[in-house]
Amino acid sequence: MNEKKKNIIETAIELFADKGFYATSIEEIAKKSELSKGAFYLHFRSKDELFIEIFKYYHNLIQDKVRDVIDEQSSPRDNFIRQVEVQFHIIMKHRNFILTQLKEQAFTLNKELFELVKAKEYEISQWHKNNFAAIYGEAITPYVHDLGIIYEGIKNRYFQILLSGNVEVDITELAVFIVERIDETAKNLLDSKRPAIITDQKMKAAFADICLPEETKKEVVIDNLLEMQAMLHEFDLEAEKKSELQEVIDYLLQEVKKTDAKEFVIQGLLANFKGISQFDRYREQISEKMQIRLL
């Protein structure tokens, strides 16, 4: 994401938190962003489109933070506790904006955003699935969706209580407490051997008509590649190596934009950045969005 677009989004978040979505005009957003109204429209066609981008911005922010706190030397359970903790910190940091939007319920009037929210819910269900299998083993597989629903119910109720502003808790302690409750629930499910309520098949059926729009996926990947390109110019590398990696990014941009992008081509090109730690996060995000395995 380029800096001007990011600036507009962060400025809009401030204004929406202060005045609300409907009471904030595009002219106000442009003025506070130190841009002309025409420059605003170069990045966003409407305020509704901006709101969709804000939702993506928050989702990607949480994804990045959740990914950043993973320590490969720690157990899956300890990593999960850190991931729960960081979600609470982000929600509390942006408390005013979230409260304003919940009050106005602006997203319910935007069909595109509503569909995107549902698509993200599916992604979250896959995150549950991966985490719970890593923590509790393959035996938990039949129950991952029930466990995910229970986890989200507990977590979201605490979100509501904390957003009220009248209760303060230790976030680290809360994250541990929630995961302990999930531990107990997982053990109970495994011991009971009772049939799952929401099976994998039922979950897929529930999201059968939902998918992240192809163009949205490509926009995210293209933004990642452009950020990699900008970072590359700042690296202390030999000119030949820098030029070689720039060519790889150019090829990736060309391939991703194709309607019939080849998985093996993207996979092979991304392998060129293996071992460059600054690019690890981007490689992972691109592989996730394009649904390809990293080499």
Protein backbone atom coordinates (compact mmCIF):
# COMPACT_ATOMS: atom_id res chain seq x y z
CA MET A 1 0.00 0.00 0.00
CA ASN A 2 1.46 3.38 -0.98
CA GLU A 3 1.95 6.08 1.66
CA LYS A 4 -0.74 8.45 0.35
CA LYS A 5 -3.39 5.74 0.42
CA LYS A 6 -2.29 4.67 3.90
CA ASN A 7 -2.40 8.29 5.07
CA ILE A 8 -5.99 8.70 3.82
CA ILE A 9 -7.06 5.50 5.57
CA GLU A 10 -5.44 6.44 8.90
CA THR A 11 -6.85 9.98 8.70
CA ALA A 12 -10.33 8.63 7.96
CA ILE A 13 -10.08 6.26 10.94
CA GLU A 14 -9.36 9.26 13.19
CA LEU A 15 -12.27 11.27 11.81
CA PHE A 16 -14.72 8.37 11.85
CA ALA A 17 -13.76 7.65 15.46
CA ASP A 18 -14.37 11.29 16.39
CA LYS A 19 -17.41 12.21 14.29
CA GLY A 20 -18.78 8.98 12.88
CA PHE A 21 -18.93 7.61 9.33
CA TYR A 22 -22.00 9.52 8.14
CA ALA A 23 -21.06 12.88 9.66
CA THR A 24 -17.58 12.87 8.07
CA SER A 25 -17.33 14.23 4.54
CA ILE A 26 -14.84 13.30 1.82
CA GLU A 27 -13.80 16.96 1.77
CA GLU A 28 -12.85 16.78 5.48
CA ILE A 29 -10.87 13.57 4.96
CA ALA A 30 -9.01 15.08 1.99
CA LYS A 31 -8.27 18.33 3.84
CA LYS A 32 -6.92 16.61 6.95
CA SER A 33 -4.87 14.26 4.70
CA GLU A 34 -3.38 17.40 3.09
CA LEU A 35 -4.72 16.36 -0.32
CA SER A 36 -7.13 17.85 -2.79
CA LYS A 37 -10.56 16.29 -3.19
CA GLY A 38 -9.47 15.20 -6.67
CA ALA A 39 -6.43 13.44 -5.23
CA PHE A 40 -8.71 11.56 -2.85
CA TYR A 41 -10.68 10.21 -5.81
CA LEU A 42 -7.48 8.96 -7.40
CA HIS A 43 -7.29 6.43 -4.56
CA PHE A 44 -10.94 5.84 -3.65
CA ARG A 45 -14.07 6.13 -5.77
CA SER A 46 -16.33 6.78 -2.77
CA LYS A 47 -16.54 6.87 1.02
CA ASP A 48 -18.03 3.36 0.93
CA GLU A 49 -14.99 2.08 -0.94
CA LEU A 50 -12.75 3.79 1.63
CA PHE A 51 -14.66 2.02 4.42
CA ILE A 52 -14.03 -1.34 2.73
CA GLU A 53 -10.32 -0.51 2.56
CA ILE A 54 -10.37 0.40 6.26
CA PHE A 55 -11.83 -3.01 7.05
CA LYS A 56 -9.06 -4.67 4.98
CA TYR A 57 -6.49 -2.45 6.70
CA TYR A 58 -7.64 -3.60 10.16
CA HIS A 59 -7.84 -7.24 9.12
CA ASN A 60 -4.33 -7.13 7.64
CA LEU A 61 -3.03 -5.26 10.70
CA ILE A 62 -4.34 -7.99 12.99
CA GLN A 63 -3.00 -10.72 10.69
CA ASP A 64 0.44 -9.09 10.65
CA LYS A 65 0.54 -8.68 14.43
CA VAL A 66 -0.69 -12.23 15.01
CA ARG A 67 2.00 -13.52 12.68
CA ASP A 68 4.72 -11.32 14.20
CA VAL A 69 4.27 -12.65 17.74
CA ILE A 70 4.87 -16.26 16.70
CA ASP A 71 8.10 -17.59 18.17
CA GLU A 72 9.32 -20.73 16.42
CA GLN A 73 11.06 -21.78 19.64
CA SER A 74 7.78 -21.69 21.61
CA SER A 75 5.01 -24.28 21.77
CA PRO A 76 1.88 -23.83 19.61
CA ARG A 77 -0.12 -23.20 22.81
CA ASP A 78 2.21 -20.40 24.00
CA ASN A 79 2.10 -18.85 20.55
CA PHE A 80 -1.69 -19.03 20.57
CA ILE A 81 -1.82 -17.20 23.93
CA ARG A 82 0.33 -14.42 22.44
CA GLN A 83 -1.93 -14.27 19.39
CA VAL A 84 -5.03 -13.93 21.58
CA GLU A 85 -3.30 -11.24 23.63
CA VAL A 86 -2.29 -9.14 20.62
CA GLN A 87 -5.86 -9.18 19.27
CA PHE A 88 -7.10 -7.62 22.52
CA HIS A 89 -4.37 -4.98 22.43
CA ILE A 90 -5.31 -3.94 18.86
CA ILE A 91 -9.02 -3.80 19.67
CA MET A 92 -8.40 -1.64 22.74
CA LYS A 93 -6.01 0.64 20.84
CA HIS A 94 -8.75 1.40 18.29
CA ARG A 95 -11.60 1.32 20.79
CA ASN A 96 -13.17 4.69 19.83
CA PHE A 97 -13.32 3.86 16.12
CA ILE A 98 -14.83 0.42 16.74
CA LEU A 99 -17.46 1.79 19.15
CA THR A 100 -18.51 4.48 16.67
CA GLN A 101 -18.90 2.00 13.82
CA LEU A 102 -20.79 -0.51 15.99
CA LYS A 103 -23.16 2.27 16.96
CA GLU A 104 -23.75 3.34 13.36
CA GLN A 105 -23.56 -0.20 11.91
CA ALA A 106 -22.32 1.34 8.66
CA PHE A 107 -21.10 -1.97 7.25
CA THR A 108 -24.59 -3.53 7.25
CA LEU A 109 -25.60 -1.13 4.48
CA ASN A 110 -22.68 -2.08 2.26
CA LYS A 111 -23.25 -5.40 0.47
CA GLU A 112 -19.66 -5.67 -0.76
CA LEU A 113 -18.27 -5.18 2.74
CA PHE A 114 -20.81 -7.58 4.20
CA GLU A 115 -19.63 -10.26 1.76
CA LEU A 116 -16.00 -9.49 2.57
CA VAL A 117 -16.70 -9.84 6.30
CA LYS A 118 -18.18 -13.29 5.65
CA ALA A 119 -15.12 -14.24 3.60
CA LYS A 120 -12.84 -13.17 6.45
CA GLU A 121 -14.93 -15.26 8.86
CA TYR A 122 -14.08 -18.29 6.76
CA GLU A 123 -10.37 -17.41 6.93
CA ILE A 124 -10.66 -17.14 10.72
CA SER A 125 -12.29 -20.58 10.88
CA GLN A 126 -9.24 -21.98 9.06
CA TRP A 127 -6.98 -20.20 11.56
CA HIS A 128 -8.85 -21.95 14.38
CA LYS A 129 -8.48 -25.27 12.60
CA ASN A 130 -4.71 -24.92 12.18
CA ASN A 131 -4.09 -23.68 15.73
CA PHE A 132 -6.21 -26.26 17.50
CA ALA A 133 -4.73 -29.14 15.50
CA ALA A 134 -1.22 -27.91 16.40
CA ILE A 135 -2.06 -27.57 20.11
CA TYR A 136 -4.29 -30.60 20.74
CA GLY A 137 -3.23 -33.00 18.00
CA GLU A 138 -5.07 -34.66 15.14
CA ALA A 139 -7.66 -36.17 17.53
CA ILE A 140 -9.25 -32.73 17.88
CA THR A 141 -9.93 -32.46 14.12
CA PRO A 142 -13.66 -33.41 14.32
CA TYR A 143 -14.23 -30.70 16.93
CA VAL A 144 -12.18 -27.77 15.58
CA HIS A 145 -15.20 -25.80 14.37
CA ASP A 146 -17.20 -26.27 17.57
CA LEU A 147 -14.11 -25.27 19.54
CA GLY A 148 -13.61 -22.23 17.29
CA ILE A 149 -17.20 -21.10 17.84
CA ILE A 150 -16.81 -21.47 21.61
CA TYR A 151 -13.51 -19.56 21.53
CA GLU A 152 -14.99 -16.71 19.45
CA GLY A 153 -18.00 -16.51 21.77
CA ILE A 154 -15.81 -16.17 24.86
CA LYS A 155 -13.39 -13.74 23.21
CA ASN A 156 -16.09 -11.51 21.70
CA ARG A 157 -17.99 -11.24 24.98
CA TYR A 158 -14.81 -10.04 26.69
CA PHE A 159 -14.31 -7.59 23.81
CA GLN A 160 -17.78 -6.17 24.49
CA ILE A 161 -17.12 -5.81 28.21
CA LEU A 162 -13.74 -4.13 27.72
CA LEU A 163 -15.03 -1.80 25.00
CA SER A 164 -17.61 -0.47 27.46
CA GLY A 165 -14.72 1.33 29.14
CA ASN A 166 -15.86 0.59 32.68
CA VAL A 167 -13.73 -2.51 33.22
CA GLU A 168 -9.96 -2.86 33.24
CA VAL A 169 -8.15 -6.19 33.23
CA ASP A 170 -4.64 -7.48 32.67
CA ILE A 171 -4.70 -8.45 28.98
CA THR A 172 -1.95 -11.07 29.35
CA GLU A 173 -3.80 -12.69 32.23
CA LEU A 174 -7.03 -12.60 30.23
CA ALA A 175 -5.41 -14.31 27.21
CA VAL A 176 -4.06 -17.10 29.44
CA PHE A 177 -7.46 -17.45 31.13
CA ILE A 178 -9.28 -17.80 27.79
CA VAL A 179 -6.84 -20.39 26.47
CA GLU A 180 -7.17 -22.37 29.72
CA ARG A 181 -10.94 -22.50 29.16
CA ILE A 182 -10.34 -23.73 25.61
CA ASP A 183 -7.95 -26.38 27.01
CA GLU A 184 -10.68 -27.62 29.32
CA THR A 185 -13.29 -27.63 26.55
CA ALA A 186 -10.97 -29.49 24.18
CA LYS A 187 -10.24 -32.13 26.82
CA ASN A 188 -13.93 -32.51 27.58
CA LEU A 189 -14.77 -32.97 23.90
CA LEU A 190 -12.01 -35.54 23.44
CA ASP A 191 -13.03 -37.46 26.58
CA SER A 192 -16.75 -37.43 25.77
CA LYS A 193 -16.27 -38.75 22.21
CA ARG A 194 -19.64 -37.23 21.41
CA PRO A 195 -20.36 -36.31 17.76
CA ALA A 196 -19.39 -32.81 16.70
CA ILE A 197 -22.19 -30.30 16.14
CA ILE A 198 -20.48 -28.39 13.32
CA THR A 199 -18.53 -30.82 11.18
CA ASP A 200 -16.05 -29.82 8.51
CA GLN A 201 -18.65 -30.68 5.87
CA LYS A 202 -21.27 -28.45 7.52
CA MET A 203 -18.79 -25.59 7.83
CA LYS A 204 -17.94 -25.82 4.13
CA ALA A 205 -21.64 -25.82 3.29
CA ALA A 206 -22.16 -22.72 5.45
CA PHE A 207 -19.52 -20.87 3.44
CA ALA A 208 -20.25 -22.52 0.08
CA ASP A 209 -21.23 -19.23 -1.58
CA ILE A 210 -18.44 -17.24 0.06
CA CYS A 211 -14.98 -16.64 -1.29
CA LEU A 212 -12.57 -13.77 -1.16
CA PRO A 213 -13.00 -12.01 -4.53
CA GLU A 214 -10.16 -12.90 -6.87
CA GLU A 215 -9.43 -9.26 -7.62
CA THR A 216 -9.22 -8.47 -3.89
CA LYS A 217 -6.67 -11.25 -3.42
CA LYS A 218 -4.60 -9.91 -6.30
CA GLU A 219 -4.76 -6.34 -4.95
CA VAL A 220 -3.28 -7.53 -1.64
CA VAL A 221 -0.53 -9.51 -3.39
CA ILE A 222 0.32 -6.61 -5.70
CA ASP A 223 0.53 -4.25 -2.70
CA ASN A 224 2.90 -6.73 -1.03
CA LEU A 225 5.11 -6.89 -4.11
CA LEU A 226 5.23 -3.10 -4.42
CA GLU A 227 6.26 -2.84 -0.76
CA MET A 228 9.00 -5.42 -1.39
CA GLN A 229 10.14 -3.35 -4.36
CA ALA A 230 10.35 -0.20 -2.24
CA MET A 231 12.29 -2.04 0.49
CA LEU A 232 14.69 -3.51 -2.04
CA HIS A 233 15.99 -0.05 -2.97
CA GLU A 234 17.05 0.50 0.64
CA PHE A 235 18.92 -2.81 1.00
CA ASP A 236 22.69 -2.87 1.15
CA LEU A 237 23.17 -5.36 -1.69
CA GLU A 238 25.45 -5.62 -4.68
CA ALA A 239 23.99 -3.83 -7.70
CA GLU A 240 23.81 -7.09 -9.66
CA LYS A 241 21.90 -8.91 -6.90
CA LYS A 242 19.55 -5.98 -6.41
CA SER A 243 18.85 -5.84 -10.15
CA GLU A 244 18.21 -9.61 -10.22
CA LEU A 245 15.67 -9.39 -7.38
CA GLN A 246 14.00 -6.40 -9.03
CA GLU A 247 13.51 -8.51 -12.16
CA VAL A 248 11.99 -11.28 -10.04
CA ILE A 249 9.48 -8.81 -8.56
CA ASP A 250 8.65 -7.55 -12.07
CA TYR A 251 7.99 -11.11 -13.24
CA LEU A 252 5.85 -11.78 -10.17
CA LEU A 253 3.78 -8.65 -10.81
CA GLN A 254 3.23 -9.72 -14.41
CA GLU A 255 2.26 -13.28 -13.43
CA VAL A 256 -0.09 -12.29 -10.60
CA LYS A 257 -2.01 -9.91 -12.88
CA LYS A 258 -2.76 -12.71 -15.37
CA THR A 259 -6.21 -14.31 -15.29
CA ASP A 260 -4.55 -17.73 -15.51
CA ALA A 261 -1.63 -17.12 -13.12
CA LYS A 262 0.48 -20.27 -12.81
CA GLU A 263 1.00 -21.56 -9.29
CA PHE A 264 4.36 -23.19 -10.02
CA VAL A 265 5.70 -19.98 -11.60
CA ILE A 266 4.79 -17.87 -8.55
CA GLN A 267 6.13 -20.59 -6.26
CA GLY A 268 9.48 -20.68 -8.07
CA LEU A 269 9.84 -16.89 -8.21
CA LEU A 270 9.10 -16.48 -4.49
CA ALA A 271 11.83 -18.99 -3.70
CA ASN A 272 14.36 -16.33 -4.81
CA PHE A 273 13.59 -14.40 -1.61
CA LYS A 274 14.05 -17.33 0.74
CA GLY A 275 16.65 -16.53 3.37
CA ILE A 276 16.05 -12.77 3.23
CA SER A 277 14.34 -12.28 6.60
CA GLN A 278 12.90 -8.87 5.73
CA PHE A 279 10.81 -10.55 3.04
CA ASP A 280 9.59 -13.55 5.06
CA ARG A 281 6.33 -11.87 6.05
CA TYR A 282 5.57 -10.92 2.44
CA ARG A 283 6.33 -14.42 1.14
CA GLU A 284 3.96 -15.90 3.72
CA GLN A 285 1.18 -13.43 2.93
CA ILE A 286 1.48 -14.01 -0.82
CA SER A 287 1.48 -17.79 -0.39
CA GLU A 288 -1.61 -17.51 1.84
CA LYS A 289 -3.56 -15.32 -0.58
CA MET A 290 -2.56 -17.29 -3.69
CA GLN A 291 -2.99 -20.60 -1.81
CA ILE A 292 0.40 -21.98 -2.79
CA ARG A 293 3.03 -23.81 -0.78
CA LEU A 294 6.35 -22.05 -0.19
CA LEU A 295 9.47 -23.85 -1.38
